[in-house]
Amino acid sequence: MLSHADDGFRIGAKLFAMGSMNPDLRRLRAAAMPHLHELVGRTGWATNLAVAVEDRVLVVEEVYSERMSAMPRMVGARLPLHATALGKALLAGYPASELDALLARGLRPFTPTTIVRPNLLRDQLAGIRASSVAFSHEEWSPGTSGVASPVVVAGRVVAAVAAVGPSTEPGLRERGAHVRVAAARLSQALSPAGAVIAA
């Protein structure tokens, strides 16, 4: 049910398979795939789709470009909300009470650039709500940067889409525009049926 990883435990294949049977999650992943593939083509980076589960990021889908094929596979990984672009995009949709509770538990540092000051994270989340783009630069994993955007359905953040690549490669801000478009198109694809993605 669980598998060992360098940072602790990850959801194992059997448990992930059980979760994948959730019809809302299956619909989310199916709707996201063409947008993730297009995003790979536009950014050249790996792309991820994630939801929030128990105050963690759960990566539920990914697509890799040929030149990013050496990156570790992340489907099923549970990542910190405050130290990843995906997590910040999801956090931007948290109600104030849930955000307060999360910040009260403290923000663990993973690298020297991890944001651990609640007021600084709050400022970033305000910017994400305004721009629909979140950034992470070596905050969870050295050598890796990410840019993400929330997927919003009926006014609620239900998922996030990200492009992830090497921190040494320029163009992180420019990729943000492509990620924002991909997330907006996924939001639009999910909205007609009024789906609510269970997290």
N, C-alpha and C. Protein backbone atom coordinates (compact mmCIF):
# COMPACT_ATOMS: atom_id res chain seq x y z
N MET A 1 0.82 -1.21 0.00
CA MET A 1 0.00 0.00 0.00
C MET A 1 0.86 1.27 0.00
N LEU A 2 2.03 1.19 0.67
CA LEU A 2 2.95 2.31 0.72
C LEU A 2 4.32 1.87 0.21
N SER A 3 5.09 2.83 -0.31
CA SER A 3 6.44 2.52 -0.75
C SER A 3 7.40 3.52 -0.12
N HIS A 4 8.64 3.07 0.13
CA HIS A 4 9.65 3.93 0.72
C HIS A 4 10.20 4.89 -0.33
N ALA A 5 10.54 6.10 0.13
CA ALA A 5 11.19 7.09 -0.72
C ALA A 5 12.20 7.83 0.14
N ASP A 6 13.08 8.61 -0.49
CA ASP A 6 14.12 9.33 0.24
C ASP A 6 13.53 10.28 1.27
N ASP A 7 12.34 10.83 0.96
CA ASP A 7 11.73 11.82 1.86
C ASP A 7 10.65 11.21 2.75
N GLY A 8 10.61 9.87 2.84
CA GLY A 8 9.62 9.21 3.71
C GLY A 8 8.86 8.14 2.97
N PHE A 9 7.54 8.19 3.05
CA PHE A 9 6.69 7.21 2.39
C PHE A 9 5.90 7.86 1.27
N ARG A 10 5.59 7.06 0.26
CA ARG A 10 4.71 7.48 -0.82
C ARG A 10 3.60 6.46 -0.98
N ILE A 11 2.52 6.90 -1.61
CA ILE A 11 1.41 5.99 -1.87
C ILE A 11 1.89 4.90 -2.81
N GLY A 12 1.62 3.65 -2.45
CA GLY A 12 2.02 2.53 -3.28
C GLY A 12 1.07 2.32 -4.45
N ALA A 13 1.45 1.41 -5.32
CA ALA A 13 0.68 1.17 -6.54
C ALA A 13 -0.74 0.72 -6.25
N LYS A 14 -0.91 -0.16 -5.26
CA LYS A 14 -2.25 -0.68 -4.96
C LYS A 14 -3.17 0.41 -4.44
N LEU A 15 -2.64 1.23 -3.51
CA LEU A 15 -3.47 2.30 -2.95
C LEU A 15 -3.79 3.35 -4.00
N PHE A 16 -2.79 3.67 -4.86
CA PHE A 16 -3.04 4.64 -5.92
C PHE A 16 -4.08 4.11 -6.90
N ALA A 17 -4.00 2.82 -7.20
CA ALA A 17 -4.99 2.23 -8.11
C ALA A 17 -6.39 2.33 -7.54
N MET A 18 -6.52 2.10 -6.22
CA MET A 18 -7.82 2.23 -5.59
C MET A 18 -8.34 3.66 -5.69
N GLY A 19 -7.44 4.63 -5.42
CA GLY A 19 -7.84 6.03 -5.51
C GLY A 19 -8.20 6.44 -6.92
N SER A 20 -7.53 5.83 -7.89
CA SER A 20 -7.78 6.17 -9.29
C SER A 20 -9.17 5.75 -9.75
N MET A 21 -9.82 4.90 -8.97
CA MET A 21 -11.16 4.48 -9.32
C MET A 21 -12.20 5.56 -8.99
N ASN A 22 -11.81 6.58 -8.24
CA ASN A 22 -12.70 7.69 -7.93
C ASN A 22 -13.13 8.34 -9.25
N PRO A 23 -14.43 8.41 -9.54
CA PRO A 23 -14.87 8.93 -10.85
C PRO A 23 -14.50 10.39 -11.08
N ASP A 24 -14.53 11.21 -10.03
CA ASP A 24 -14.15 12.62 -10.20
C ASP A 24 -12.67 12.75 -10.53
N LEU A 25 -11.84 11.95 -9.85
CA LEU A 25 -10.41 11.99 -10.11
C LEU A 25 -10.09 11.45 -11.49
N ARG A 26 -10.77 10.41 -11.90
CA ARG A 26 -10.56 9.87 -13.26
C ARG A 26 -10.95 10.89 -14.31
N ARG A 27 -12.05 11.60 -14.08
CA ARG A 27 -12.48 12.62 -15.03
C ARG A 27 -11.47 13.77 -15.09
N LEU A 28 -10.96 14.17 -13.93
CA LEU A 28 -9.96 15.23 -13.87
C LEU A 28 -8.72 14.84 -14.67
N ARG A 29 -8.22 13.63 -14.44
CA ARG A 29 -7.01 13.19 -15.14
C ARG A 29 -7.24 13.09 -16.64
N ALA A 30 -8.37 12.54 -17.05
CA ALA A 30 -8.66 12.41 -18.48
C ALA A 30 -8.77 13.77 -19.15
N ALA A 31 -9.44 14.70 -18.47
CA ALA A 31 -9.59 16.05 -19.04
C ALA A 31 -8.26 16.79 -19.11
N ALA A 32 -7.36 16.48 -18.18
CA ALA A 32 -6.09 17.20 -18.11
C ALA A 32 -5.06 16.75 -19.14
N MET A 33 -5.13 15.49 -19.57
CA MET A 33 -4.05 14.95 -20.40
C MET A 33 -3.73 15.76 -21.65
N PRO A 34 -4.71 16.16 -22.47
CA PRO A 34 -4.32 16.94 -23.65
C PRO A 34 -3.65 18.26 -23.30
N HIS A 35 -4.05 18.87 -22.20
CA HIS A 35 -3.46 20.14 -21.78
C HIS A 35 -2.06 19.94 -21.23
N LEU A 36 -1.83 18.83 -20.54
CA LEU A 36 -0.48 18.54 -20.06
C LEU A 36 0.47 18.28 -21.23
N HIS A 37 0.00 17.53 -22.22
CA HIS A 37 0.83 17.27 -23.40
C HIS A 37 1.15 18.56 -24.15
N GLU A 38 0.16 19.41 -24.31
CA GLU A 38 0.39 20.69 -25.00
C GLU A 38 1.36 21.55 -24.21
N LEU A 39 1.24 21.51 -22.89
CA LEU A 39 2.12 22.30 -22.05
C LEU A 39 3.57 21.82 -22.14
N VAL A 40 3.77 20.52 -22.24
CA VAL A 40 5.11 19.98 -22.45
C VAL A 40 5.69 20.55 -23.75
N GLY A 41 4.87 20.55 -24.80
CA GLY A 41 5.34 21.07 -26.08
C GLY A 41 5.70 22.54 -26.04
N ARG A 42 4.97 23.30 -25.24
CA ARG A 42 5.21 24.75 -25.18
C ARG A 42 6.35 25.13 -24.25
N THR A 43 6.56 24.34 -23.20
CA THR A 43 7.59 24.70 -22.21
C THR A 43 8.85 23.87 -22.30
N GLY A 44 8.74 22.64 -22.82
CA GLY A 44 9.89 21.74 -22.85
C GLY A 44 10.17 21.08 -21.51
N TRP A 45 9.36 21.38 -20.52
CA TRP A 45 9.55 20.82 -19.18
C TRP A 45 8.54 19.72 -18.90
N ALA A 46 8.78 18.97 -17.82
CA ALA A 46 7.81 17.99 -17.36
C ALA A 46 6.59 18.72 -16.83
N THR A 47 5.42 18.10 -16.94
CA THR A 47 4.20 18.71 -16.43
C THR A 47 3.52 17.78 -15.44
N ASN A 48 2.91 18.38 -14.42
CA ASN A 48 2.25 17.62 -13.36
C ASN A 48 0.83 18.14 -13.13
N LEU A 49 -0.02 17.25 -12.68
CA LEU A 49 -1.37 17.58 -12.23
C LEU A 49 -1.49 17.10 -10.80
N ALA A 50 -2.01 17.93 -9.90
CA ALA A 50 -2.07 17.55 -8.49
C ALA A 50 -3.34 18.07 -7.83
N VAL A 51 -3.69 17.43 -6.72
CA VAL A 51 -4.79 17.86 -5.86
C VAL A 51 -4.26 17.94 -4.43
N ALA A 52 -5.01 18.61 -3.56
CA ALA A 52 -4.65 18.68 -2.15
C ALA A 52 -5.34 17.57 -1.39
N VAL A 53 -4.57 16.82 -0.62
CA VAL A 53 -5.11 15.74 0.21
C VAL A 53 -4.46 15.83 1.59
N GLU A 54 -5.27 16.08 2.60
CA GLU A 54 -4.78 16.14 3.98
C GLU A 54 -3.57 17.07 4.11
N ASP A 55 -3.71 18.28 3.58
CA ASP A 55 -2.67 19.30 3.66
C ASP A 55 -1.35 18.87 3.06
N ARG A 56 -1.45 18.06 2.01
CA ARG A 56 -0.28 17.71 1.21
C ARG A 56 -0.68 17.79 -0.27
N VAL A 57 0.30 17.92 -1.12
CA VAL A 57 0.09 17.85 -2.56
C VAL A 57 0.14 16.39 -2.97
N LEU A 58 -0.87 15.91 -3.68
CA LEU A 58 -0.84 14.56 -4.25
C LEU A 58 -0.75 14.68 -5.76
N VAL A 59 0.36 14.24 -6.33
CA VAL A 59 0.53 14.28 -7.79
C VAL A 59 -0.25 13.11 -8.39
N VAL A 60 -1.21 13.42 -9.26
CA VAL A 60 -2.08 12.38 -9.81
C VAL A 60 -1.84 12.10 -11.29
N GLU A 61 -1.08 12.96 -11.96
CA GLU A 61 -0.77 12.71 -13.37
C GLU A 61 0.47 13.49 -13.74
N GLU A 62 1.19 13.02 -14.77
CA GLU A 62 2.39 13.69 -15.23
C GLU A 62 2.67 13.33 -16.69
N VAL A 63 3.35 14.23 -17.37
CA VAL A 63 3.79 14.01 -18.75
C VAL A 63 5.21 14.54 -18.85
N TYR A 64 6.09 13.78 -19.50
CA TYR A 64 7.50 14.17 -19.61
C TYR A 64 7.88 14.43 -21.05
N SER A 65 8.73 15.44 -21.24
CA SER A 65 9.34 15.65 -22.54
C SER A 65 10.53 14.72 -22.66
N GLU A 66 11.02 14.51 -23.87
CA GLU A 66 12.15 13.61 -24.08
C GLU A 66 13.38 14.07 -23.30
N ARG A 67 13.62 15.35 -23.28
CA ARG A 67 14.83 15.84 -22.61
C ARG A 67 14.69 15.89 -21.10
N MET A 68 13.47 15.69 -20.59
CA MET A 68 13.25 15.65 -19.15
C MET A 68 13.01 14.21 -18.68
N SER A 69 13.29 13.24 -19.52
CA SER A 69 12.97 11.85 -19.21
C SER A 69 13.74 11.30 -18.02
N ALA A 70 14.86 11.93 -17.67
CA ALA A 70 15.66 11.45 -16.55
C ALA A 70 15.11 11.91 -15.20
N MET A 71 14.15 12.82 -15.20
CA MET A 71 13.59 13.29 -13.93
C MET A 71 12.83 12.17 -13.23
N PRO A 72 12.82 12.16 -11.91
CA PRO A 72 12.09 11.11 -11.19
C PRO A 72 10.59 11.19 -11.43
N ARG A 73 9.94 10.04 -11.48
CA ARG A 73 8.49 9.99 -11.66
C ARG A 73 7.81 10.40 -10.37
N MET A 74 6.76 11.20 -10.49
CA MET A 74 6.15 11.80 -9.31
C MET A 74 4.71 11.36 -9.04
N VAL A 75 4.08 10.63 -9.94
CA VAL A 75 2.70 10.22 -9.70
C VAL A 75 2.62 9.43 -8.40
N GLY A 76 1.71 9.84 -7.54
CA GLY A 76 1.56 9.21 -6.25
C GLY A 76 2.36 9.86 -5.15
N ALA A 77 3.27 10.77 -5.52
CA ALA A 77 4.08 11.46 -4.52
C ALA A 77 3.23 12.46 -3.74
N ARG A 78 3.54 12.58 -2.45
CA ARG A 78 2.88 13.56 -1.58
C ARG A 78 3.92 14.61 -1.22
N LEU A 79 3.70 15.84 -1.63
CA LEU A 79 4.68 16.91 -1.49
C LEU A 79 4.16 17.98 -0.54
N PRO A 80 5.06 18.80 0.00
CA PRO A 80 4.62 19.88 0.89
C PRO A 80 3.91 20.99 0.13
N LEU A 81 2.89 21.53 0.74
CA LEU A 81 2.13 22.61 0.10
C LEU A 81 2.96 23.89 0.01
N HIS A 82 3.69 24.23 1.06
CA HIS A 82 4.34 25.54 1.11
C HIS A 82 5.65 25.61 0.33
N ALA A 83 6.20 24.46 -0.08
CA ALA A 83 7.54 24.44 -0.68
C ALA A 83 7.54 24.06 -2.15
N THR A 84 6.38 23.98 -2.78
CA THR A 84 6.29 23.62 -4.19
C THR A 84 5.35 24.59 -4.90
N ALA A 85 5.57 24.78 -6.19
CA ALA A 85 4.67 25.65 -6.96
C ALA A 85 3.26 25.07 -6.98
N LEU A 86 3.15 23.74 -7.16
CA LEU A 86 1.84 23.09 -7.12
C LEU A 86 1.14 23.37 -5.80
N GLY A 87 1.88 23.22 -4.70
CA GLY A 87 1.30 23.41 -3.38
C GLY A 87 0.82 24.83 -3.16
N LYS A 88 1.62 25.80 -3.59
CA LYS A 88 1.23 27.20 -3.42
C LYS A 88 -0.02 27.52 -4.24
N ALA A 89 -0.10 26.96 -5.45
CA ALA A 89 -1.29 27.19 -6.27
C ALA A 89 -2.53 26.62 -5.59
N LEU A 90 -2.38 25.47 -4.95
CA LEU A 90 -3.50 24.87 -4.21
C LEU A 90 -3.81 25.68 -2.94
N LEU A 91 -2.77 26.10 -2.24
CA LEU A 91 -2.96 26.88 -1.01
C LEU A 91 -3.68 28.19 -1.26
N ALA A 92 -3.50 28.75 -2.43
CA ALA A 92 -4.15 30.02 -2.76
C ALA A 92 -5.67 29.91 -2.69
N GLY A 93 -6.18 28.70 -2.78
CA GLY A 93 -7.62 28.50 -2.70
C GLY A 93 -8.11 28.07 -1.33
N TYR A 94 -7.21 27.94 -0.36
CA TYR A 94 -7.61 27.52 0.99
C TYR A 94 -8.44 28.60 1.67
N PRO A 95 -9.50 28.21 2.38
CA PRO A 95 -10.21 29.18 3.23
C PRO A 95 -9.26 29.71 4.30
N ALA A 96 -9.53 30.92 4.77
CA ALA A 96 -8.64 31.57 5.73
C ALA A 96 -8.42 30.72 6.97
N SER A 97 -9.46 30.07 7.48
CA SER A 97 -9.33 29.28 8.70
C SER A 97 -8.40 28.08 8.50
N GLU A 98 -8.51 27.42 7.33
CA GLU A 98 -7.64 26.27 7.05
C GLU A 98 -6.20 26.71 6.84
N LEU A 99 -6.01 27.86 6.20
CA LEU A 99 -4.66 28.38 6.01
C LEU A 99 -4.04 28.74 7.35
N ASP A 100 -4.82 29.39 8.22
CA ASP A 100 -4.32 29.75 9.55
C ASP A 100 -3.89 28.51 10.32
N ALA A 101 -4.69 27.46 10.25
CA ALA A 101 -4.38 26.22 10.98
C ALA A 101 -3.10 25.59 10.45
N LEU A 102 -2.92 25.60 9.13
CA LEU A 102 -1.71 25.03 8.54
C LEU A 102 -0.47 25.82 8.95
N LEU A 103 -0.57 27.15 8.90
CA LEU A 103 0.57 27.98 9.26
C LEU A 103 0.91 27.85 10.75
N ALA A 104 -0.11 27.64 11.58
CA ALA A 104 0.12 27.50 13.01
C ALA A 104 0.94 26.26 13.34
N ARG A 105 0.89 25.26 12.47
CA ARG A 105 1.66 24.04 12.69
C ARG A 105 3.14 24.21 12.31
N GLY A 106 3.47 25.31 11.67
CA GLY A 106 4.85 25.58 11.30
C GLY A 106 5.17 25.14 9.89
N LEU A 107 6.15 25.79 9.28
CA LEU A 107 6.57 25.51 7.91
C LEU A 107 7.97 24.91 7.92
N ARG A 108 8.05 23.66 7.56
CA ARG A 108 9.34 22.95 7.60
C ARG A 108 10.25 23.39 6.47
N PRO A 109 11.52 23.68 6.77
CA PRO A 109 12.47 23.98 5.70
C PRO A 109 12.99 22.70 5.04
N PHE A 110 13.02 22.69 3.73
CA PHE A 110 13.55 21.54 2.99
C PHE A 110 14.88 21.88 2.32
N THR A 111 15.05 23.15 1.98
CA THR A 111 16.29 23.66 1.40
C THR A 111 16.53 25.05 1.99
N PRO A 112 17.68 25.65 1.73
CA PRO A 112 17.91 27.01 2.24
C PRO A 112 16.93 28.05 1.70
N THR A 113 16.26 27.76 0.59
CA THR A 113 15.35 28.76 0.01
C THR A 113 13.87 28.46 0.30
N THR A 114 13.58 27.45 1.10
CA THR A 114 12.19 27.16 1.48
C THR A 114 11.62 28.33 2.27
N ILE A 115 10.42 28.74 1.93
CA ILE A 115 9.76 29.81 2.67
C ILE A 115 9.22 29.24 3.98
N VAL A 116 9.69 29.78 5.10
CA VAL A 116 9.26 29.30 6.41
C VAL A 116 8.59 30.40 7.23
N ARG A 117 8.57 31.62 6.72
CA ARG A 117 7.93 32.73 7.43
C ARG A 117 6.49 32.86 6.95
N PRO A 118 5.51 32.68 7.84
CA PRO A 118 4.10 32.74 7.44
C PRO A 118 3.70 34.02 6.72
N ASN A 119 4.23 35.17 7.17
CA ASN A 119 3.83 36.42 6.52
C ASN A 119 4.33 36.49 5.08
N LEU A 120 5.52 35.93 4.84
CA LEU A 120 6.05 35.92 3.47
C LEU A 120 5.22 34.99 2.58
N LEU A 121 4.83 33.84 3.11
CA LEU A 121 3.99 32.93 2.34
C LEU A 121 2.63 33.57 2.07
N ARG A 122 2.06 34.24 3.05
CA ARG A 122 0.78 34.92 2.84
C ARG A 122 0.88 35.95 1.72
N ASP A 123 2.00 36.68 1.68
CA ASP A 123 2.20 37.66 0.61
C ASP A 123 2.26 36.98 -0.75
N GLN A 124 2.95 35.84 -0.81
CA GLN A 124 3.02 35.11 -2.08
C GLN A 124 1.64 34.61 -2.50
N LEU A 125 0.87 34.11 -1.56
CA LEU A 125 -0.46 33.60 -1.89
C LEU A 125 -1.38 34.71 -2.40
N ALA A 126 -1.23 35.90 -1.83
CA ALA A 126 -2.02 37.04 -2.33
C ALA A 126 -1.65 37.34 -3.77
N GLY A 127 -0.36 37.25 -4.08
CA GLY A 127 0.08 37.46 -5.46
C GLY A 127 -0.43 36.38 -6.40
N ILE A 128 -0.48 35.14 -5.91
CA ILE A 128 -0.98 34.03 -6.73
C ILE A 128 -2.46 34.20 -7.02
N ARG A 129 -3.23 34.66 -6.03
CA ARG A 129 -4.66 34.90 -6.25
C ARG A 129 -4.87 35.97 -7.31
N ALA A 130 -3.97 36.94 -7.36
CA ALA A 130 -4.09 38.03 -8.33
C ALA A 130 -3.63 37.62 -9.73
N SER A 131 -2.57 36.80 -9.80
CA SER A 131 -1.97 36.48 -11.09
C SER A 131 -2.31 35.09 -11.62
N SER A 132 -2.78 34.20 -10.73
CA SER A 132 -3.04 32.79 -11.05
C SER A 132 -1.78 32.03 -11.41
N VAL A 133 -0.63 32.50 -10.94
CA VAL A 133 0.65 31.81 -11.21
C VAL A 133 1.46 31.73 -9.92
N ALA A 134 1.98 30.54 -9.62
CA ALA A 134 2.82 30.30 -8.45
C ALA A 134 4.20 29.84 -8.91
N PHE A 135 5.23 30.25 -8.18
CA PHE A 135 6.59 29.86 -8.52
C PHE A 135 7.27 29.19 -7.34
N SER A 136 8.20 28.30 -7.65
CA SER A 136 9.05 27.68 -6.64
C SER A 136 10.44 27.52 -7.26
N HIS A 137 11.45 28.00 -6.54
CA HIS A 137 12.83 27.92 -7.05
C HIS A 137 13.69 27.22 -6.00
N GLU A 138 13.93 25.93 -6.21
CA GLU A 138 14.76 25.12 -5.31
C GLU A 138 14.26 25.17 -3.87
N GLU A 139 12.95 25.26 -3.68
CA GLU A 139 12.39 25.35 -2.32
C GLU A 139 12.12 23.97 -1.72
N TRP A 140 11.89 22.98 -2.57
CA TRP A 140 11.68 21.62 -2.07
C TRP A 140 12.83 20.70 -2.46
N SER A 141 13.33 20.89 -3.68
CA SER A 141 14.39 20.03 -4.18
C SER A 141 15.48 20.87 -4.84
N PRO A 142 16.71 20.80 -4.39
CA PRO A 142 17.79 21.57 -5.02
C PRO A 142 17.91 21.23 -6.50
N GLY A 143 18.11 22.23 -7.31
CA GLY A 143 18.28 22.03 -8.74
C GLY A 143 16.99 22.00 -9.53
N THR A 144 15.85 22.18 -8.86
CA THR A 144 14.55 22.10 -9.54
C THR A 144 13.73 23.34 -9.29
N SER A 145 13.12 23.85 -10.35
CA SER A 145 12.19 24.97 -10.26
C SER A 145 10.85 24.55 -10.83
N GLY A 146 9.80 25.24 -10.41
CA GLY A 146 8.47 24.93 -10.92
C GLY A 146 7.62 26.17 -11.04
N VAL A 147 6.65 26.10 -11.92
CA VAL A 147 5.65 27.16 -12.06
C VAL A 147 4.30 26.46 -12.19
N ALA A 148 3.32 26.93 -11.44
CA ALA A 148 2.02 26.25 -11.39
C ALA A 148 0.89 27.26 -11.44
N SER A 149 -0.30 26.75 -11.74
CA SER A 149 -1.50 27.58 -11.77
C SER A 149 -2.67 26.77 -11.25
N PRO A 150 -3.57 27.40 -10.49
CA PRO A 150 -4.72 26.67 -9.96
C PRO A 150 -5.77 26.38 -11.02
N VAL A 151 -6.44 25.25 -10.86
CA VAL A 151 -7.58 24.88 -11.70
C VAL A 151 -8.82 25.19 -10.87
N VAL A 152 -9.64 26.11 -11.36
CA VAL A 152 -10.78 26.60 -10.60
C VAL A 152 -12.08 26.18 -11.26
N VAL A 153 -12.95 25.54 -10.48
CA VAL A 153 -14.26 25.11 -10.96
C VAL A 153 -15.31 25.66 -10.00
N ALA A 154 -16.26 26.40 -10.52
CA ALA A 154 -17.33 26.98 -9.71
C ALA A 154 -16.77 27.78 -8.53
N GLY A 155 -15.71 28.53 -8.79
CA GLY A 155 -15.12 29.38 -7.77
C GLY A 155 -14.25 28.67 -6.76
N ARG A 156 -13.99 27.39 -6.95
CA ARG A 156 -13.20 26.60 -6.00
C ARG A 156 -11.97 26.02 -6.67
N VAL A 157 -10.82 26.13 -6.00
CA VAL A 157 -9.58 25.52 -6.51
C VAL A 157 -9.69 24.02 -6.29
N VAL A 158 -9.73 23.25 -7.38
CA VAL A 158 -9.90 21.80 -7.27
C VAL A 158 -8.63 21.04 -7.61
N ALA A 159 -7.67 21.70 -8.25
CA ALA A 159 -6.44 21.04 -8.66
C ALA A 159 -5.43 22.11 -9.05
N ALA A 160 -4.25 21.69 -9.44
CA ALA A 160 -3.23 22.60 -9.94
C ALA A 160 -2.44 21.91 -11.03
N VAL A 161 -1.97 22.70 -11.99
CA VAL A 161 -1.15 22.23 -13.10
C VAL A 161 0.21 22.91 -12.99
N ALA A 162 1.28 22.17 -13.26
CA ALA A 162 2.63 22.75 -13.14
C ALA A 162 3.54 22.28 -14.26
N ALA A 163 4.53 23.11 -14.53
CA ALA A 163 5.67 22.73 -15.36
C ALA A 163 6.89 22.75 -14.45
N VAL A 164 7.71 21.70 -14.51
CA VAL A 164 8.85 21.55 -13.61
C VAL A 164 10.11 21.26 -14.42
N GLY A 165 11.21 21.93 -14.06
CA GLY A 165 12.44 21.71 -14.80
C GLY A 165 13.65 22.14 -14.00
N PRO A 166 14.83 22.14 -14.62
CA PRO A 166 16.06 22.49 -13.90
C PRO A 166 16.11 23.96 -13.55
N SER A 167 16.57 24.26 -12.33
CA SER A 167 16.63 25.65 -11.87
C SER A 167 17.67 26.46 -12.61
N THR A 168 18.59 25.78 -13.30
CA THR A 168 19.64 26.49 -14.05
C THR A 168 19.13 27.00 -15.40
N GLU A 169 17.95 26.57 -15.79
CA GLU A 169 17.42 26.95 -17.11
C GLU A 169 16.60 28.22 -17.00
N PRO A 170 16.86 29.21 -17.85
CA PRO A 170 16.11 30.47 -17.78
C PRO A 170 14.68 30.29 -18.32
N GLY A 171 13.87 31.34 -18.13
CA GLY A 171 12.54 31.35 -18.72
C GLY A 171 11.43 30.90 -17.80
N LEU A 172 11.67 30.87 -16.49
CA LEU A 172 10.64 30.42 -15.56
C LEU A 172 9.41 31.32 -15.64
N ARG A 173 9.62 32.62 -15.64
CA ARG A 173 8.50 33.57 -15.69
C ARG A 173 7.72 33.44 -16.99
N GLU A 174 8.44 33.27 -18.10
CA GLU A 174 7.78 33.14 -19.40
C GLU A 174 6.92 31.89 -19.45
N ARG A 175 7.37 30.81 -18.83
CA ARG A 175 6.59 29.57 -18.81
C ARG A 175 5.29 29.74 -18.01
N GLY A 176 5.28 30.70 -17.09
CA GLY A 176 4.10 30.94 -16.29
C GLY A 176 2.87 31.24 -17.13
N ALA A 177 3.04 31.97 -18.21
CA ALA A 177 1.90 32.31 -19.08
C ALA A 177 1.31 31.05 -19.70
N HIS A 178 2.16 30.12 -20.12
CA HIS A 178 1.68 28.88 -20.72
C HIS A 178 0.97 28.00 -19.69
N VAL A 179 1.51 27.96 -18.48
CA VAL A 179 0.88 27.15 -17.42
C VAL A 179 -0.48 27.73 -17.06
N ARG A 180 -0.56 29.05 -16.98
CA ARG A 180 -1.84 29.70 -16.66
C ARG A 180 -2.89 29.38 -17.71
N VAL A 181 -2.51 29.39 -18.97
CA VAL A 181 -3.46 29.07 -20.05
C VAL A 181 -3.91 27.62 -19.95
N ALA A 182 -2.97 26.71 -19.69
CA ALA A 182 -3.33 25.28 -19.58
C ALA A 182 -4.32 25.06 -18.44
N ALA A 183 -4.07 25.70 -17.30
CA ALA A 183 -4.97 25.54 -16.15
C ALA A 183 -6.34 26.14 -16.45
N ALA A 184 -6.36 27.28 -17.13
CA ALA A 184 -7.64 27.91 -17.46
C ALA A 184 -8.44 27.06 -18.43
N ARG A 185 -7.77 26.44 -19.38
CA ARG A 185 -8.47 25.57 -20.33
C ARG A 185 -8.99 24.32 -19.64
N LEU A 186 -8.23 23.78 -18.70
CA LEU A 186 -8.72 22.63 -17.94
C LEU A 186 -9.91 23.04 -17.08
N SER A 187 -9.85 24.19 -16.47
CA SER A 187 -10.99 24.70 -15.68
C SER A 187 -12.23 24.78 -16.55
N GLN A 188 -12.06 25.29 -17.76
CA GLN A 188 -13.20 25.42 -18.68
C GLN A 188 -13.74 24.05 -19.09
N ALA A 189 -12.83 23.10 -19.31
CA ALA A 189 -13.26 21.75 -19.70
C ALA A 189 -14.05 21.06 -18.60
N LEU A 190 -13.72 21.35 -17.36
CA LEU A 190 -14.40 20.72 -16.23
C LEU A 190 -15.69 21.43 -15.84
N SER A 191 -15.79 22.71 -16.14
CA SER A 191 -16.89 23.52 -15.64
C SER A 191 -18.28 23.17 -16.18
N PRO A 192 -18.45 22.81 -17.48
CA PRO A 192 -19.82 22.61 -17.99
C PRO A 192 -20.63 21.59 -17.20
N ALA A 193 -19.97 20.53 -16.72
CA ALA A 193 -20.70 19.51 -15.99
C ALA A 193 -20.83 19.85 -14.52
N GLY A 194 -20.25 20.97 -14.10
CA GLY A 194 -20.33 21.38 -12.70
C GLY A 194 -19.67 20.40 -11.77
N ALA A 195 -18.57 19.79 -12.20
CA ALA A 195 -17.91 18.77 -11.38
C ALA A 195 -17.27 19.39 -10.15
N VAL A 196 -17.29 18.67 -9.07
CA VAL A 196 -16.55 19.03 -7.88
C VAL A 196 -15.56 17.89 -7.63
N ILE A 197 -14.27 18.20 -7.71
CA ILE A 197 -13.25 17.16 -7.56
C ILE A 197 -13.02 16.89 -6.09
N ALA A 198 -13.22 15.67 -5.69
CA ALA A 198 -13.03 15.31 -4.29
C ALA A 198 -11.56 15.29 -3.96
N ALA A 199 -11.19 15.93 -2.88
CA ALA A 199 -9.79 15.98 -2.46
C ALA A 199 -9.61 15.22 -1.16
